[in-house]
C-alpha cells in the first residue's frame, strides 16, 4: 500500500463515522416521526433514558453500544438502532397518551403501571430501597409532585393522584422498564 493511502485511512474512518452518525440520527428522527410522535426524539433524550450521566447528543459508538445493551436486556432486536420498539421500551414514544385520553383510559394505564412496578402493592419497596410505593416513585420524583414523607407509607389514593399527574406530564418516561408491557396491555 502506498504511503499516501496509509495517511488517508484516519480521514476515511472519521468520514465513515460521520456518515454512520448522520444515518443513525436520520433513522431516529424518521422512526420517531413515523410512530406518530409530534417531535422527533433527540439523541440527548435517548442518552438520558439510557442513563448517561452527561449526554452529549452524539450518536457515537458509546451510544450505539448502550442501545444494544438495552435492547438485549429488553429482549429486542439488538442492532444499536433506536427504532420504534426501542423508543417505546425507553418510554420515549408515548402512544399510551392517546389511548389514555379519558379518565377510564388513564385508570387502565395506571393499573398496568402499578401491576408491572409493584404488583399493585402501595407499600412496595424496591430491593435497593430507592423506589417506593405502588408506582415505585423515587423520593425526588415524589417530592417534585408535591408528596411528603415516604411514598410507600402514603395513602393509596394519594399515590394514584400523583401517578396520574406524573403520567399526564411525562407519559411512560418515568417507568421505562414497564413502558413496552403497558403499551401492549393497554392497546389490546
N, C-alpha and C. Protein backbone atom coordinates (compact mmCIF):
# COMPACT_ATOMS: atom_id res chain seq x y z
N UNK A 1 0.85 -1.17 0.00
CA UNK A 1 0.00 0.00 0.00
C UNK A 1 0.90 1.23 0.00
N UNK A 2 0.67 2.18 -0.89
CA UNK A 2 1.49 3.39 -0.95
C UNK A 2 1.32 4.22 0.32
N UNK A 3 2.37 4.98 0.64
CA UNK A 3 2.40 5.82 1.84
C UNK A 3 1.21 6.78 1.89
N UNK A 4 0.83 7.36 0.76
CA UNK A 4 -0.27 8.34 0.72
C UNK A 4 -1.60 7.69 1.10
N UNK A 5 -1.81 6.42 0.72
CA UNK A 5 -3.04 5.72 1.09
C UNK A 5 -3.12 5.48 2.59
N UNK A 6 -2.00 5.15 3.20
CA UNK A 6 -1.96 4.90 4.65
C UNK A 6 -2.33 6.17 5.40
N UNK A 7 -1.85 7.32 4.92
CA UNK A 7 -2.16 8.59 5.58
C UNK A 7 -3.64 8.95 5.49
N UNK A 8 -4.32 8.46 4.47
CA UNK A 8 -5.74 8.77 4.30
C UNK A 8 -6.66 7.92 5.19
N UNK A 9 -6.19 6.80 5.70
CA UNK A 9 -7.04 5.90 6.48
C UNK A 9 -7.72 6.58 7.66
N UNK A 10 -7.02 7.35 8.51
CA UNK A 10 -7.74 8.00 9.62
C UNK A 10 -8.84 8.94 9.13
N UNK A 11 -8.60 9.65 8.02
CA UNK A 11 -9.62 10.55 7.48
C UNK A 11 -10.82 9.77 6.96
N UNK A 12 -10.56 8.66 6.33
CA UNK A 12 -11.65 7.82 5.82
C UNK A 12 -12.46 7.28 6.98
N UNK A 13 -11.79 6.87 8.04
CA UNK A 13 -12.51 6.35 9.22
C UNK A 13 -13.39 7.44 9.84
N UNK A 14 -12.84 8.66 9.96
CA UNK A 14 -13.63 9.75 10.52
C UNK A 14 -14.83 10.05 9.64
N UNK A 15 -14.64 10.06 8.35
CA UNK A 15 -15.74 10.31 7.42
C UNK A 15 -16.79 9.21 7.52
N UNK A 16 -16.35 7.97 7.62
CA UNK A 16 -17.29 6.85 7.76
C UNK A 16 -18.08 6.97 9.06
N UNK A 17 -17.40 7.35 10.14
CA UNK A 17 -18.09 7.54 11.42
C UNK A 17 -19.12 8.66 11.33
N UNK A 18 -18.78 9.73 10.65
CA UNK A 18 -19.71 10.83 10.47
C UNK A 18 -20.92 10.40 9.66
N UNK A 19 -20.69 9.66 8.59
CA UNK A 19 -21.79 9.17 7.75
C UNK A 19 -22.71 8.26 8.57
N UNK A 20 -22.13 7.37 9.36
CA UNK A 20 -22.94 6.48 10.20
C UNK A 20 -23.73 7.27 11.24
N UNK A 21 -23.12 8.29 11.82
CA UNK A 21 -23.81 9.11 12.81
C UNK A 21 -25.00 9.82 12.18
N UNK A 22 -24.79 10.43 11.02
CA UNK A 22 -25.89 11.12 10.34
C UNK A 22 -27.00 10.13 9.98
N UNK A 23 -26.62 8.96 9.49
CA UNK A 23 -27.62 7.95 9.14
C UNK A 23 -28.42 7.53 10.37
N UNK A 24 -27.73 7.34 11.49
CA UNK A 24 -28.41 6.95 12.73
C UNK A 24 -29.36 8.05 13.19
N UNK A 25 -28.91 9.31 13.10
CA UNK A 25 -29.78 10.42 13.50
C UNK A 25 -31.02 10.50 12.62
N UNK A 26 -30.82 10.31 11.33
CA UNK A 26 -31.97 10.31 10.42
C UNK A 26 -32.91 9.15 10.72
N UNK A 27 -32.35 8.00 11.05
CA UNK A 27 -33.19 6.84 11.38
C UNK A 27 -34.01 7.11 12.63
N UNK A 28 -33.38 7.73 13.65
CA UNK A 28 -34.09 8.04 14.88
C UNK A 28 -35.20 9.04 14.60
N UNK A 29 -34.89 10.10 13.87
CA UNK A 29 -35.91 11.12 13.57
C UNK A 29 -37.04 10.53 12.74
N UNK A 30 -36.71 9.70 11.77
CA UNK A 30 -37.72 9.11 10.90
C UNK A 30 -38.60 8.15 11.67
N UNK A 31 -38.00 7.27 12.48
CA UNK A 31 -38.81 6.29 13.20
C UNK A 31 -39.66 6.96 14.26
N UNK A 32 -39.13 8.00 14.90
CA UNK A 32 -39.94 8.70 15.90
C UNK A 32 -41.12 9.38 15.24
N UNK A 33 -40.90 10.01 14.09
CA UNK A 33 -41.99 10.68 13.40
C UNK A 33 -42.98 9.67 12.84
N UNK A 34 -42.48 8.56 12.30
CA UNK A 34 -43.36 7.54 11.74
C UNK A 34 -44.23 6.91 12.81
N UNK A 35 -43.74 6.89 14.04
CA UNK A 35 -44.50 6.30 15.13
C UNK A 35 -45.58 7.25 15.63
N UNK A 36 -45.65 8.45 15.07
CA UNK A 36 -46.71 9.37 15.45
C UNK A 36 -46.32 10.35 16.52
N UNK A 37 -45.09 10.37 16.93
CA UNK A 37 -44.63 11.32 17.94
C UNK A 37 -44.63 12.71 17.31
N UNK A 38 -45.07 13.72 18.00
CA UNK A 38 -45.16 15.06 17.45
C UNK A 38 -43.78 15.62 17.12
N UNK A 39 -42.81 15.39 17.97
CA UNK A 39 -41.47 15.88 17.69
C UNK A 39 -40.51 14.70 17.71
N UNK A 40 -39.48 14.77 16.87
CA UNK A 40 -38.51 13.67 16.86
C UNK A 40 -37.80 13.57 18.21
N UNK A 41 -37.36 12.37 18.52
CA UNK A 41 -36.64 12.12 19.75
C UNK A 41 -35.18 12.46 19.51
N UNK A 42 -34.60 13.29 20.37
CA UNK A 42 -33.20 13.67 20.19
C UNK A 42 -32.27 12.60 20.75
N UNK A 43 -31.04 12.62 20.29
CA UNK A 43 -30.04 11.68 20.79
C UNK A 43 -29.81 11.93 22.29
N UNK A 44 -29.85 13.20 22.71
CA UNK A 44 -29.69 13.51 24.14
C UNK A 44 -30.80 12.86 24.97
N UNK A 45 -32.04 12.88 24.44
CA UNK A 45 -33.14 12.24 25.15
C UNK A 45 -32.91 10.73 25.26
N UNK A 46 -32.42 10.14 24.18
CA UNK A 46 -32.12 8.70 24.20
C UNK A 46 -31.02 8.42 25.21
N UNK A 47 -29.96 9.21 25.19
CA UNK A 47 -28.85 9.01 26.12
C UNK A 47 -29.32 9.17 27.57
N UNK A 48 -30.16 10.16 27.81
CA UNK A 48 -30.68 10.36 29.17
C UNK A 48 -31.51 9.16 29.61
N UNK A 49 -32.37 8.67 28.72
CA UNK A 49 -33.19 7.50 29.04
C UNK A 49 -32.33 6.26 29.27
N UNK A 50 -31.17 6.20 28.61
CA UNK A 50 -30.25 5.07 28.79
C UNK A 50 -29.40 5.22 30.06
N UNK A 51 -29.50 6.37 30.72
CA UNK A 51 -28.78 6.56 31.97
C UNK A 51 -27.42 7.24 31.85
N UNK A 52 -27.15 7.88 30.72
CA UNK A 52 -25.89 8.61 30.57
C UNK A 52 -25.84 9.73 31.61
N UNK A 53 -24.70 9.86 32.28
CA UNK A 53 -24.54 10.94 33.27
C UNK A 53 -24.42 12.30 32.59
N UNK A 54 -23.69 12.33 31.46
CA UNK A 54 -23.51 13.58 30.71
C UNK A 54 -23.83 13.34 29.24
N UNK A 55 -25.10 13.37 28.88
CA UNK A 55 -25.46 13.15 27.47
C UNK A 55 -24.87 14.25 26.59
N UNK A 56 -24.26 13.85 25.48
CA UNK A 56 -23.62 14.83 24.60
C UNK A 56 -24.36 15.01 23.27
N UNK A 57 -25.39 14.20 23.03
CA UNK A 57 -26.16 14.34 21.81
C UNK A 57 -25.50 13.74 20.58
N UNK A 58 -24.43 12.98 20.77
CA UNK A 58 -23.72 12.37 19.65
C UNK A 58 -24.07 10.88 19.58
N UNK A 59 -24.53 10.44 18.43
CA UNK A 59 -24.84 9.02 18.23
C UNK A 59 -23.55 8.31 17.82
N UNK A 60 -22.65 8.20 18.77
CA UNK A 60 -21.36 7.57 18.53
C UNK A 60 -21.34 6.13 18.99
N UNK A 61 -20.16 5.52 19.03
CA UNK A 61 -20.04 4.11 19.40
C UNK A 61 -20.54 3.82 20.82
N UNK A 62 -20.31 4.73 21.78
CA UNK A 62 -20.78 4.50 23.15
C UNK A 62 -22.31 4.43 23.20
N UNK A 63 -22.94 5.34 22.48
CA UNK A 63 -24.40 5.37 22.46
C UNK A 63 -24.95 4.11 21.79
N UNK A 64 -24.37 3.73 20.67
CA UNK A 64 -24.84 2.52 19.98
C UNK A 64 -24.65 1.28 20.85
N UNK A 65 -23.51 1.20 21.58
CA UNK A 65 -23.29 0.06 22.49
C UNK A 65 -24.33 0.06 23.60
N UNK A 66 -24.62 1.24 24.15
CA UNK A 66 -25.62 1.34 25.22
C UNK A 66 -27.01 0.93 24.71
N UNK A 67 -27.33 1.34 23.48
CA UNK A 67 -28.61 0.94 22.89
C UNK A 67 -28.67 -0.57 22.73
N UNK A 68 -27.58 -1.18 22.24
CA UNK A 68 -27.55 -2.64 22.08
C UNK A 68 -27.72 -3.35 23.42
N UNK A 69 -27.03 -2.86 24.46
CA UNK A 69 -27.18 -3.47 25.80
C UNK A 69 -28.63 -3.38 26.26
N UNK A 70 -29.22 -2.20 26.09
CA UNK A 70 -30.62 -2.01 26.48
C UNK A 70 -31.52 -2.94 25.69
N UNK A 71 -31.29 -3.05 24.40
CA UNK A 71 -32.12 -3.92 23.56
C UNK A 71 -32.00 -5.37 24.00
N UNK A 72 -30.79 -5.83 24.27
CA UNK A 72 -30.63 -7.23 24.74
C UNK A 72 -31.35 -7.44 26.07
N UNK A 73 -31.20 -6.48 26.98
CA UNK A 73 -31.83 -6.60 28.30
C UNK A 73 -33.35 -6.60 28.21
N UNK A 74 -33.90 -5.99 27.16
CA UNK A 74 -35.35 -5.91 27.00
C UNK A 74 -35.87 -6.83 25.89
N UNK A 75 -35.02 -7.78 25.50
CA UNK A 75 -35.38 -8.80 24.50
C UNK A 75 -35.88 -8.18 23.19
N UNK A 76 -35.18 -7.14 22.76
CA UNK A 76 -35.46 -6.51 21.48
C UNK A 76 -34.34 -6.88 20.51
N UNK A 77 -34.55 -6.64 19.23
CA UNK A 77 -33.51 -6.89 18.25
C UNK A 77 -32.33 -5.96 18.57
N UNK A 78 -31.17 -6.55 18.91
CA UNK A 78 -30.00 -5.77 19.34
C UNK A 78 -29.20 -5.31 18.14
N UNK A 79 -29.68 -4.23 17.49
CA UNK A 79 -29.00 -3.72 16.31
C UNK A 79 -28.36 -2.36 16.54
N UNK A 80 -28.54 -1.78 17.73
CA UNK A 80 -27.95 -0.48 18.02
C UNK A 80 -28.68 0.69 17.41
N UNK A 81 -29.85 0.44 16.81
CA UNK A 81 -30.65 1.50 16.20
C UNK A 81 -31.85 1.77 17.11
N UNK A 82 -32.08 3.03 17.39
CA UNK A 82 -33.20 3.41 18.26
C UNK A 82 -34.48 3.51 17.42
N UNK A 83 -35.00 2.36 17.03
CA UNK A 83 -36.23 2.31 16.26
C UNK A 83 -37.45 2.39 17.16
N UNK A 84 -38.65 2.24 16.58
CA UNK A 84 -39.88 2.42 17.35
C UNK A 84 -40.00 1.53 18.58
N UNK A 85 -39.63 0.25 18.47
CA UNK A 85 -39.75 -0.65 19.63
C UNK A 85 -38.80 -0.24 20.74
N UNK A 86 -37.59 0.13 20.38
CA UNK A 86 -36.61 0.57 21.38
C UNK A 86 -37.07 1.87 22.02
N UNK A 87 -37.54 2.81 21.21
CA UNK A 87 -38.02 4.08 21.76
C UNK A 87 -39.23 3.88 22.67
N UNK A 88 -40.11 2.94 22.31
CA UNK A 88 -41.24 2.63 23.19
C UNK A 88 -40.75 2.06 24.51
N UNK A 89 -39.80 1.11 24.43
CA UNK A 89 -39.28 0.49 25.65
C UNK A 89 -38.56 1.51 26.53
N UNK A 90 -37.94 2.50 25.91
CA UNK A 90 -37.29 3.58 26.66
C UNK A 90 -38.30 4.58 27.22
N UNK A 91 -39.55 4.47 26.79
CA UNK A 91 -40.58 5.40 27.23
C UNK A 91 -40.53 6.73 26.51
N UNK A 92 -39.91 6.75 25.32
CA UNK A 92 -39.76 7.99 24.58
C UNK A 92 -40.82 8.20 23.51
N UNK A 93 -41.56 7.16 23.18
CA UNK A 93 -42.72 7.29 22.30
C UNK A 93 -43.93 7.01 23.16
N UNK A 94 -44.82 7.94 23.20
CA UNK A 94 -45.90 7.86 24.17
C UNK A 94 -47.26 7.63 23.53
N UNK A 95 -47.38 6.54 22.82
CA UNK A 95 -48.67 6.26 22.20
C UNK A 95 -49.74 5.99 23.25
N UNK A 96 -49.34 5.64 24.46
CA UNK A 96 -50.31 5.40 25.53
C UNK A 96 -51.08 6.65 25.88
N UNK A 97 -50.49 7.83 25.62
CA UNK A 97 -51.21 9.07 25.91
C UNK A 97 -52.49 9.16 25.09
N UNK A 98 -52.41 8.80 23.83
CA UNK A 98 -53.62 8.87 23.01
C UNK A 98 -54.62 7.80 23.43
N UNK A 99 -54.12 6.65 23.86
CA UNK A 99 -55.01 5.60 24.34
C UNK A 99 -55.67 5.99 25.65
N UNK A 100 -54.98 6.82 26.42
CA UNK A 100 -55.47 7.20 27.75
C UNK A 100 -55.98 8.63 27.74
N UNK A 101 -56.86 8.95 26.83
CA UNK A 101 -57.37 10.31 26.73
C UNK A 101 -58.63 10.50 27.58
N UNK A 102 -59.12 9.43 28.18
CA UNK A 102 -60.31 9.51 29.04
C UNK A 102 -59.91 9.11 30.46
N UNK A 103 -60.70 9.48 31.45
CA UNK A 103 -60.39 9.04 32.82
C UNK A 103 -60.30 7.51 32.94
N UNK A 104 -61.17 6.81 32.21
CA UNK A 104 -61.12 5.34 32.25
C UNK A 104 -59.83 4.82 31.63
N UNK A 105 -59.40 5.46 30.54
CA UNK A 105 -58.16 5.07 29.89
C UNK A 105 -56.96 5.31 30.78
N UNK A 106 -56.94 6.46 31.45
CA UNK A 106 -55.84 6.77 32.37
C UNK A 106 -55.83 5.75 33.51
N UNK A 107 -56.99 5.42 34.03
CA UNK A 107 -57.07 4.43 35.11
C UNK A 107 -56.52 3.08 34.64
N UNK A 108 -56.82 2.70 33.39
CA UNK A 108 -56.32 1.43 32.86
C UNK A 108 -54.80 1.46 32.74
N UNK A 109 -54.25 2.57 32.25
CA UNK A 109 -52.80 2.69 32.13
C UNK A 109 -52.15 2.63 33.51
N UNK A 110 -52.71 3.37 34.48
CA UNK A 110 -52.14 3.37 35.83
C UNK A 110 -52.21 1.99 36.47
N UNK A 111 -53.30 1.27 36.22
CA UNK A 111 -53.42 -0.09 36.77
C UNK A 111 -52.32 -0.99 36.19
N UNK A 112 -52.03 -0.84 34.90
CA UNK A 112 -50.95 -1.64 34.27
C UNK A 112 -49.58 -1.25 34.81
N UNK A 113 -49.35 0.05 34.99
CA UNK A 113 -48.08 0.50 35.55
C UNK A 113 -47.90 -0.08 36.95
N UNK A 114 -48.94 0.05 37.78
CA UNK A 114 -48.86 -0.44 39.16
C UNK A 114 -48.63 -1.95 39.19
N UNK A 115 -49.33 -2.67 38.31
CA UNK A 115 -49.16 -4.13 38.24
C UNK A 115 -47.73 -4.49 37.88
N UNK A 116 -47.18 -3.79 36.91
CA UNK A 116 -45.82 -4.07 36.45
C UNK A 116 -44.78 -3.67 37.49
N UNK A 117 -44.96 -2.50 38.10
CA UNK A 117 -43.95 -1.97 39.03
C UNK A 117 -43.96 -2.65 40.40
N UNK A 118 -45.16 -2.95 40.92
CA UNK A 118 -45.22 -3.40 42.32
C UNK A 118 -46.27 -4.48 42.58
N UNK A 119 -46.81 -5.08 41.53
CA UNK A 119 -47.95 -5.98 41.68
C UNK A 119 -49.12 -5.29 42.36
N UNK A 120 -49.19 -3.95 42.21
CA UNK A 120 -50.29 -3.17 42.78
C UNK A 120 -50.18 -2.94 44.27
N UNK A 121 -49.03 -3.20 44.87
CA UNK A 121 -48.84 -3.07 46.31
C UNK A 121 -48.42 -1.64 46.67
N UNK A 122 -49.29 -0.88 47.36
CA UNK A 122 -48.95 0.51 47.70
C UNK A 122 -47.79 0.64 48.69
N UNK A 123 -47.45 -0.43 49.40
CA UNK A 123 -46.36 -0.38 50.38
C UNK A 123 -45.06 -1.00 49.84
N UNK A 124 -45.02 -1.31 48.54
CA UNK A 124 -43.85 -1.96 47.95
C UNK A 124 -42.61 -1.07 48.03
N UNK A 125 -41.47 -1.72 48.23
CA UNK A 125 -40.17 -1.04 48.24
C UNK A 125 -39.23 -1.87 47.38
N UNK A 126 -38.53 -1.22 46.46
CA UNK A 126 -37.60 -1.95 45.58
C UNK A 126 -36.47 -2.55 46.41
N UNK A 127 -35.79 -3.58 45.91
CA UNK A 127 -34.69 -4.20 46.67
C UNK A 127 -33.61 -3.18 47.08
N UNK A 128 -33.36 -2.18 46.26
CA UNK A 128 -32.35 -1.18 46.60
C UNK A 128 -32.88 -0.14 47.59
N UNK A 129 -34.21 -0.08 47.74
CA UNK A 129 -34.83 0.91 48.61
C UNK A 129 -35.02 2.26 47.94
N UNK A 130 -34.55 2.40 46.71
CA UNK A 130 -34.61 3.69 46.02
C UNK A 130 -36.02 4.01 45.53
N UNK A 131 -36.79 3.00 45.15
CA UNK A 131 -38.12 3.21 44.58
C UNK A 131 -39.17 2.66 45.53
N UNK A 132 -40.24 3.46 45.74
CA UNK A 132 -41.16 3.12 46.81
C UNK A 132 -42.61 3.36 46.40
N UNK A 133 -43.47 2.50 46.92
CA UNK A 133 -44.90 2.67 46.71
C UNK A 133 -45.43 1.90 45.51
N UNK A 134 -46.70 2.06 45.28
CA UNK A 134 -47.43 1.35 44.23
C UNK A 134 -46.84 1.60 42.84
N UNK A 135 -46.34 2.83 42.61
CA UNK A 135 -45.80 3.20 41.31
C UNK A 135 -44.27 3.33 41.33
N UNK A 136 -43.66 2.89 42.42
CA UNK A 136 -42.20 2.90 42.57
C UNK A 136 -41.61 4.28 42.30
N UNK A 137 -42.10 5.27 43.05
CA UNK A 137 -41.58 6.63 42.97
C UNK A 137 -40.20 6.71 43.59
N UNK A 138 -39.31 7.52 43.01
CA UNK A 138 -38.09 7.89 43.73
C UNK A 138 -38.51 9.02 44.68
N UNK A 139 -37.75 9.24 45.72
CA UNK A 139 -38.09 10.32 46.66
C UNK A 139 -38.10 11.67 45.96
N UNK A 140 -37.15 11.87 45.05
CA UNK A 140 -37.06 13.14 44.31
C UNK A 140 -38.32 13.38 43.47
N UNK A 141 -38.76 12.34 42.75
CA UNK A 141 -39.97 12.48 41.94
C UNK A 141 -41.18 12.72 42.82
N UNK A 142 -41.28 11.96 43.89
CA UNK A 142 -42.40 12.09 44.83
C UNK A 142 -42.52 13.53 45.34
N UNK A 143 -41.40 14.09 45.75
CA UNK A 143 -41.42 15.44 46.30
C UNK A 143 -41.69 16.48 45.20
N UNK A 144 -41.20 16.22 43.98
CA UNK A 144 -41.45 17.17 42.88
C UNK A 144 -42.93 17.23 42.53
N UNK A 145 -43.66 16.18 42.84
CA UNK A 145 -45.10 16.14 42.58
C UNK A 145 -45.91 16.74 43.72
N UNK A 146 -45.24 17.05 44.84
CA UNK A 146 -45.91 17.61 46.00
C UNK A 146 -46.06 16.64 47.15
N UNK A 147 -45.55 15.42 46.98
CA UNK A 147 -45.63 14.43 48.03
C UNK A 147 -44.69 14.74 49.19
N UNK A 148 -45.08 14.28 50.36
CA UNK A 148 -44.22 14.43 51.54
C UNK A 148 -44.08 13.06 52.20
N UNK A 149 -43.00 12.89 52.91
CA UNK A 149 -42.78 11.61 53.60
C UNK A 149 -42.42 10.51 52.62
N UNK A 150 -42.63 9.29 53.08
CA UNK A 150 -42.27 8.09 52.31
C UNK A 150 -43.43 7.70 51.39
N UNK A 151 -43.19 7.61 50.09
CA UNK A 151 -44.28 7.22 49.19
C UNK A 151 -44.92 5.88 49.57
N UNK A 152 -44.14 4.94 50.07
CA UNK A 152 -44.66 3.62 50.43
C UNK A 152 -45.58 3.67 51.65
N UNK A 153 -45.54 4.77 52.38
CA UNK A 153 -46.41 4.92 53.55
C UNK A 153 -47.61 5.83 53.26
N UNK A 154 -47.63 6.41 52.06
CA UNK A 154 -48.72 7.31 51.70
C UNK A 154 -49.98 6.51 51.36
N UNK A 155 -51.13 7.15 51.56
CA UNK A 155 -52.40 6.55 51.22
C UNK A 155 -52.42 6.18 49.73
N UNK A 156 -53.02 5.07 49.40
CA UNK A 156 -53.06 4.60 48.02
C UNK A 156 -53.71 5.63 47.09
N UNK A 157 -54.76 6.30 47.55
CA UNK A 157 -55.42 7.32 46.72
C UNK A 157 -54.47 8.46 46.39
N UNK A 158 -53.62 8.84 47.34
CA UNK A 158 -52.65 9.90 47.11
C UNK A 158 -51.62 9.44 46.08
N UNK A 159 -51.17 8.19 46.20
CA UNK A 159 -50.23 7.65 45.21
C UNK A 159 -50.86 7.65 43.81
N UNK A 160 -52.12 7.24 43.74
CA UNK A 160 -52.82 7.23 42.45
C UNK A 160 -52.90 8.65 41.86
N UNK A 161 -53.20 9.62 42.71
CA UNK A 161 -53.34 11.00 42.25
C UNK A 161 -52.00 11.51 41.69
N UNK A 162 -50.91 11.27 42.42
CA UNK A 162 -49.61 11.75 41.96
C UNK A 162 -49.14 10.99 40.72
N UNK A 163 -49.43 9.70 40.65
CA UNK A 163 -49.06 8.93 39.46
C UNK A 163 -49.82 9.43 38.23
N UNK A 164 -51.10 9.76 38.40
CA UNK A 164 -51.90 10.29 37.28
C UNK A 164 -51.31 11.62 36.80
N UNK A 165 -50.93 12.47 37.73
CA UNK A 165 -50.32 13.74 37.36
C UNK A 165 -48.99 13.55 36.64
N UNK A 166 -48.18 12.61 37.14
CA UNK A 166 -46.90 12.32 36.52
C UNK A 166 -47.10 11.76 35.12
N UNK A 167 -48.06 10.86 34.96
CA UNK A 167 -48.35 10.29 33.65
C UNK A 167 -48.81 11.37 32.68
N UNK A 168 -49.66 12.27 33.13
CA UNK A 168 -50.15 13.35 32.26
C UNK A 168 -48.99 14.26 31.83
N UNK A 169 -48.03 14.47 32.74
CA UNK A 169 -46.88 15.34 32.42
C UNK A 169 -45.89 14.66 31.49
N UNK A 170 -45.58 13.37 31.76
CA UNK A 170 -44.43 12.76 31.10
C UNK A 170 -44.71 11.44 30.42
N UNK A 171 -45.96 11.03 30.36
CA UNK A 171 -46.26 9.75 29.73
C UNK A 171 -45.62 8.61 30.49
N UNK A 172 -45.08 7.65 29.77
CA UNK A 172 -44.47 6.47 30.40
C UNK A 172 -42.97 6.63 30.70
N UNK A 173 -42.41 7.79 30.41
CA UNK A 173 -40.97 8.00 30.62
C UNK A 173 -40.51 7.66 32.04
N UNK A 174 -41.28 7.98 33.08
CA UNK A 174 -40.81 7.65 34.43
C UNK A 174 -40.79 6.14 34.73
N UNK A 175 -41.39 5.33 33.85
CA UNK A 175 -41.46 3.89 34.07
C UNK A 175 -40.88 3.13 32.86
N UNK A 176 -39.61 3.34 32.53
CA UNK A 176 -39.06 2.78 31.28
C UNK A 176 -39.07 1.25 31.25
N UNK A 177 -38.89 0.60 32.39
CA UNK A 177 -38.86 -0.87 32.38
C UNK A 177 -40.22 -1.47 32.09
N UNK A 178 -41.27 -0.73 32.31
CA UNK A 178 -42.63 -1.25 32.12
C UNK A 178 -43.32 -0.66 30.89
N UNK A 179 -42.71 0.29 30.22
CA UNK A 179 -43.37 1.02 29.13
C UNK A 179 -43.90 0.10 28.05
N UNK A 180 -43.05 -0.82 27.54
CA UNK A 180 -43.48 -1.68 26.44
C UNK A 180 -44.62 -2.61 26.88
N UNK A 181 -44.53 -3.14 28.09
CA UNK A 181 -45.58 -4.04 28.59
C UNK A 181 -46.90 -3.27 28.75
N UNK A 182 -46.83 -2.07 29.29
CA UNK A 182 -48.04 -1.27 29.48
C UNK A 182 -48.66 -0.93 28.15
N UNK A 183 -47.82 -0.52 27.18
CA UNK A 183 -48.32 -0.20 25.85
C UNK A 183 -49.07 -1.40 25.26
N UNK A 184 -48.46 -2.58 25.37
CA UNK A 184 -49.07 -3.78 24.80
C UNK A 184 -50.39 -4.12 25.49
N UNK A 185 -50.41 -4.03 26.80
CA UNK A 185 -51.61 -4.38 27.54
C UNK A 185 -52.76 -3.39 27.28
N UNK A 186 -52.44 -2.11 27.23
CA UNK A 186 -53.47 -1.10 27.04
C UNK A 186 -54.01 -1.16 25.61
N UNK A 187 -53.11 -1.45 24.66
CA UNK A 187 -53.53 -1.50 23.25
C UNK A 187 -54.40 -2.70 22.95
N UNK A 188 -54.30 -3.75 23.74
CA UNK A 188 -55.06 -4.98 23.44
C UNK A 188 -56.48 -4.93 23.95
